[in-house]
Amino acid sequence: MEGYAWESKESLRKIVIGKKVKVVVEYVKSVPAKASGASDYQMNFASCFLLKNDKNVAAMQLERGLVKTNLSKD
């Protein structure tokens, strides 16, 4: 776990606690099952926005330096 995990969690909590948010599904990814006989499943990837000012919560955390991006080509 990163050294700033607690700070990031607390910042996120303060940003959204008691606030109305909008969740927008960006894309859905089908994931094959790893165990034989298990079903494939879908993962939903979404963004969360504050309704008050339409700010992206993840972008706010990124601006504060409390999260990292992962730019994979998957």
N, C-alpha and C. Protein backbone atom coordinates (compact mmCIF):
# COMPACT_ATOMS: atom_id res chain seq x y z
N MET A 1 0.85 -1.18 0.00
CA MET A 1 0.00 0.00 0.00
C MET A 1 0.90 1.25 0.00
N GLU A 2 0.48 2.22 -0.73
CA GLU A 2 1.23 3.46 -0.83
C GLU A 2 1.26 4.21 0.51
N GLY A 3 2.28 5.01 0.72
CA GLY A 3 2.41 5.75 1.96
C GLY A 3 1.34 6.81 2.18
N TYR A 4 0.67 7.22 1.12
CA TYR A 4 -0.34 8.27 1.25
C TYR A 4 -1.76 7.71 1.16
N ALA A 5 -1.93 6.41 1.34
CA ALA A 5 -3.25 5.78 1.20
C ALA A 5 -4.25 6.35 2.21
N TRP A 6 -3.85 6.52 3.46
CA TRP A 6 -4.77 7.03 4.48
C TRP A 6 -5.19 8.46 4.13
N GLU A 7 -4.23 9.29 3.72
CA GLU A 7 -4.55 10.67 3.33
C GLU A 7 -5.51 10.70 2.15
N SER A 8 -5.29 9.83 1.19
CA SER A 8 -6.15 9.77 0.01
C SER A 8 -7.57 9.37 0.40
N LYS A 9 -7.68 8.36 1.25
CA LYS A 9 -9.01 7.90 1.69
C LYS A 9 -9.73 9.01 2.45
N GLU A 10 -9.04 9.70 3.32
CA GLU A 10 -9.65 10.78 4.09
C GLU A 10 -10.06 11.94 3.19
N SER A 11 -9.23 12.27 2.22
CA SER A 11 -9.56 13.34 1.27
C SER A 11 -10.81 12.98 0.49
N LEU A 12 -10.88 11.74 0.00
CA LEU A 12 -12.05 11.29 -0.75
C LEU A 12 -13.30 11.33 0.12
N ARG A 13 -13.17 10.89 1.36
CA ARG A 13 -14.31 10.92 2.28
C ARG A 13 -14.81 12.34 2.47
N LYS A 14 -13.90 13.28 2.67
CA LYS A 14 -14.29 14.68 2.88
C LYS A 14 -14.92 15.30 1.63
N ILE A 15 -14.48 14.87 0.47
CA ILE A 15 -15.03 15.40 -0.79
C ILE A 15 -16.48 14.97 -0.97
N VAL A 16 -16.79 13.70 -0.69
CA VAL A 16 -18.10 13.17 -1.07
C VAL A 16 -19.09 12.94 0.07
N ILE A 17 -18.64 12.91 1.31
CA ILE A 17 -19.56 12.57 2.39
C ILE A 17 -20.68 13.61 2.47
N GLY A 18 -21.91 13.12 2.47
CA GLY A 18 -23.09 13.98 2.56
C GLY A 18 -23.43 14.73 1.30
N LYS A 19 -22.70 14.47 0.21
CA LYS A 19 -22.94 15.19 -1.05
C LYS A 19 -23.66 14.28 -2.03
N LYS A 20 -24.38 14.88 -2.94
CA LYS A 20 -25.02 14.13 -4.02
C LYS A 20 -24.02 14.00 -5.16
N VAL A 21 -23.96 12.79 -5.71
CA VAL A 21 -23.03 12.52 -6.80
C VAL A 21 -23.77 11.89 -7.97
N LYS A 22 -23.12 11.95 -9.12
CA LYS A 22 -23.62 11.31 -10.34
C LYS A 22 -22.56 10.30 -10.76
N VAL A 23 -22.96 9.06 -11.02
CA VAL A 23 -22.04 8.02 -11.47
C VAL A 23 -22.32 7.74 -12.95
N VAL A 24 -21.27 7.83 -13.76
CA VAL A 24 -21.40 7.64 -15.20
C VAL A 24 -20.54 6.45 -15.61
N VAL A 25 -21.16 5.40 -16.13
CA VAL A 25 -20.41 4.24 -16.61
C VAL A 25 -19.68 4.64 -17.89
N GLU A 26 -18.36 4.50 -17.88
CA GLU A 26 -17.54 4.89 -19.03
C GLU A 26 -17.42 3.73 -20.03
N TYR A 27 -17.18 2.52 -19.53
CA TYR A 27 -17.12 1.36 -20.41
C TYR A 27 -17.27 0.09 -19.59
N VAL A 28 -17.55 -1.00 -20.30
CA VAL A 28 -17.73 -2.32 -19.69
C VAL A 28 -16.73 -3.26 -20.35
N LYS A 29 -16.03 -4.04 -19.52
CA LYS A 29 -15.03 -4.97 -20.03
C LYS A 29 -15.43 -6.39 -19.65
N SER A 30 -15.43 -7.29 -20.62
CA SER A 30 -15.73 -8.69 -20.37
C SER A 30 -14.46 -9.37 -19.91
N VAL A 31 -14.55 -10.12 -18.82
CA VAL A 31 -13.38 -10.78 -18.23
C VAL A 31 -13.63 -12.29 -18.24
N PRO A 32 -12.72 -13.04 -18.86
CA PRO A 32 -12.91 -14.49 -18.88
C PRO A 32 -12.69 -15.08 -17.48
N ALA A 33 -13.43 -16.13 -17.18
CA ALA A 33 -13.31 -16.80 -15.90
C ALA A 33 -11.97 -17.53 -15.83
N LYS A 34 -11.36 -17.53 -14.65
CA LYS A 34 -10.08 -18.21 -14.46
C LYS A 34 -10.27 -19.68 -14.10
N ALA A 35 -11.32 -19.98 -13.38
CA ALA A 35 -11.56 -21.36 -12.96
C ALA A 35 -12.42 -22.07 -14.01
N SER A 36 -12.12 -23.34 -14.24
CA SER A 36 -12.94 -24.10 -15.20
C SER A 36 -14.35 -24.26 -14.65
N GLY A 37 -15.31 -24.11 -15.51
CA GLY A 37 -16.70 -24.22 -15.11
C GLY A 37 -17.30 -22.92 -14.61
N ALA A 38 -16.48 -21.93 -14.34
CA ALA A 38 -16.97 -20.64 -13.87
C ALA A 38 -17.42 -19.80 -15.07
N SER A 39 -18.30 -18.88 -14.83
CA SER A 39 -18.82 -18.02 -15.90
C SER A 39 -17.94 -16.79 -16.09
N ASP A 40 -17.86 -16.33 -17.32
CA ASP A 40 -17.21 -15.04 -17.58
C ASP A 40 -18.03 -13.96 -16.87
N TYR A 41 -17.42 -12.83 -16.60
CA TYR A 41 -18.14 -11.75 -15.96
C TYR A 41 -17.75 -10.42 -16.59
N GLN A 42 -18.51 -9.39 -16.28
CA GLN A 42 -18.25 -8.06 -16.82
C GLN A 42 -17.84 -7.12 -15.70
N MET A 43 -16.87 -6.28 -16.00
CA MET A 43 -16.45 -5.24 -15.07
C MET A 43 -16.93 -3.90 -15.61
N ASN A 44 -17.59 -3.12 -14.76
CA ASN A 44 -18.05 -1.78 -15.15
C ASN A 44 -17.05 -0.76 -14.63
N PHE A 45 -16.62 0.15 -15.48
CA PHE A 45 -15.72 1.22 -15.11
C PHE A 45 -16.49 2.54 -15.20
N ALA A 46 -16.48 3.29 -14.12
CA ALA A 46 -17.31 4.48 -14.05
C ALA A 46 -16.55 5.66 -13.47
N SER A 47 -17.07 6.84 -13.72
CA SER A 47 -16.57 8.08 -13.11
C SER A 47 -17.63 8.61 -12.17
N CYS A 48 -17.18 9.28 -11.13
CA CYS A 48 -18.07 9.85 -10.13
C CYS A 48 -17.91 11.37 -10.15
N PHE A 49 -19.03 12.08 -10.27
CA PHE A 49 -19.02 13.54 -10.34
C PHE A 49 -19.85 14.13 -9.21
N LEU A 50 -19.39 15.23 -8.64
CA LEU A 50 -20.19 15.97 -7.67
C LEU A 50 -21.29 16.69 -8.43
N LEU A 51 -22.53 16.57 -7.99
CA LEU A 51 -23.63 17.24 -8.69
C LEU A 51 -23.54 18.76 -8.56
N LYS A 52 -23.04 19.22 -7.42
CA LYS A 52 -22.98 20.66 -7.15
C LYS A 52 -22.21 21.44 -8.21
N ASN A 53 -21.06 20.90 -8.63
CA ASN A 53 -20.23 21.63 -9.57
C ASN A 53 -19.77 20.79 -10.76
N ASP A 54 -20.29 19.56 -10.87
CA ASP A 54 -19.97 18.63 -11.96
C ASP A 54 -18.48 18.31 -12.05
N LYS A 55 -17.76 18.35 -10.91
CA LYS A 55 -16.34 18.02 -10.89
C LYS A 55 -16.15 16.52 -10.75
N ASN A 56 -15.19 15.99 -11.50
CA ASN A 56 -14.84 14.59 -11.44
C ASN A 56 -14.05 14.35 -10.15
N VAL A 57 -14.54 13.45 -9.30
CA VAL A 57 -13.93 13.20 -8.00
C VAL A 57 -12.52 12.64 -8.15
N ALA A 58 -12.31 11.74 -9.10
CA ALA A 58 -10.97 11.18 -9.32
C ALA A 58 -9.99 12.27 -9.77
N ALA A 59 -10.44 13.18 -10.62
CA ALA A 59 -9.59 14.27 -11.08
C ALA A 59 -9.21 15.18 -9.91
N MET A 60 -10.15 15.38 -8.99
CA MET A 60 -9.85 16.20 -7.81
C MET A 60 -8.74 15.54 -6.97
N GLN A 61 -8.83 14.23 -6.81
CA GLN A 61 -7.81 13.50 -6.06
C GLN A 61 -6.46 13.56 -6.80
N LEU A 62 -6.49 13.47 -8.12
CA LEU A 62 -5.27 13.54 -8.92
C LEU A 62 -4.62 14.92 -8.78
N GLU A 63 -5.42 15.98 -8.83
CA GLU A 63 -4.90 17.34 -8.67
C GLU A 63 -4.24 17.53 -7.31
N ARG A 64 -4.74 16.84 -6.30
CA ARG A 64 -4.18 16.93 -4.95
C ARG A 64 -2.95 16.04 -4.77
N GLY A 65 -2.62 15.25 -5.79
CA GLY A 65 -1.46 14.37 -5.72
C GLY A 65 -1.68 13.15 -4.85
N LEU A 66 -2.94 12.76 -4.67
CA LEU A 66 -3.25 11.65 -3.78
C LEU A 66 -3.60 10.35 -4.48
N VAL A 67 -3.53 10.33 -5.82
CA VAL A 67 -3.73 9.11 -6.59
C VAL A 67 -2.76 9.11 -7.76
N LYS A 68 -2.59 7.94 -8.35
CA LYS A 68 -1.75 7.80 -9.54
C LYS A 68 -2.62 7.31 -10.68
N THR A 69 -2.20 7.56 -11.91
CA THR A 69 -2.92 7.05 -13.07
C THR A 69 -2.25 5.76 -13.53
N ASN A 70 -3.01 4.93 -14.23
CA ASN A 70 -2.51 3.70 -14.81
C ASN A 70 -2.94 3.70 -16.27
N LEU A 71 -2.03 4.03 -17.14
CA LEU A 71 -2.36 4.14 -18.56
C LEU A 71 -1.97 2.87 -19.29
N SER A 72 -2.73 1.80 -19.05
CA SER A 72 -2.47 0.54 -19.72
C SER A 72 -3.21 0.50 -21.05
N LYS A 73 -2.79 -0.39 -21.92
CA LYS A 73 -3.41 -0.49 -23.24
C LYS A 73 -4.38 -1.65 -23.30
N ASP A 74 -4.91 -2.09 -22.16
CA ASP A 74 -5.88 -3.20 -22.13
C ASP A 74 -7.21 -2.77 -22.65
